[in-house]
Amino acid sequence: MNWIAIPDSMNPPSDVNGLAAKAIDELRSHANPANVDGMRRYGISVENALGVSMPIIREIAKAMGRDHQLAQLVWPADSMKRGSLQA
């Protein structure tokens, strides 16, 4: 079996991994079950929802700054709004 070497430039540095974990932890700390219930009432899938309001998400995103590698690490995570941190 042939393995393809991934260039170091494609492997995010450990500080980006730490920032991604911090962003996800920050989102989890603002989880709001009442918002999740409201989403459920409108038929929105809440399987992985945290119920974090957009103003809080924008605040977290602003604090994290713009970073493509960080966005790639946060985007595939299990919550629907985490992708908003890419903004």
Foldseek 3Di string as FASTA:
>chain_A
DDDDDDDPVLPDDVVLVVLLVVLVVQLLVQFDVVQLVVCVVVVHDSPQERSHDPVSLVVSLVVSDADPVSLVSQVVDRYDCSNVSND
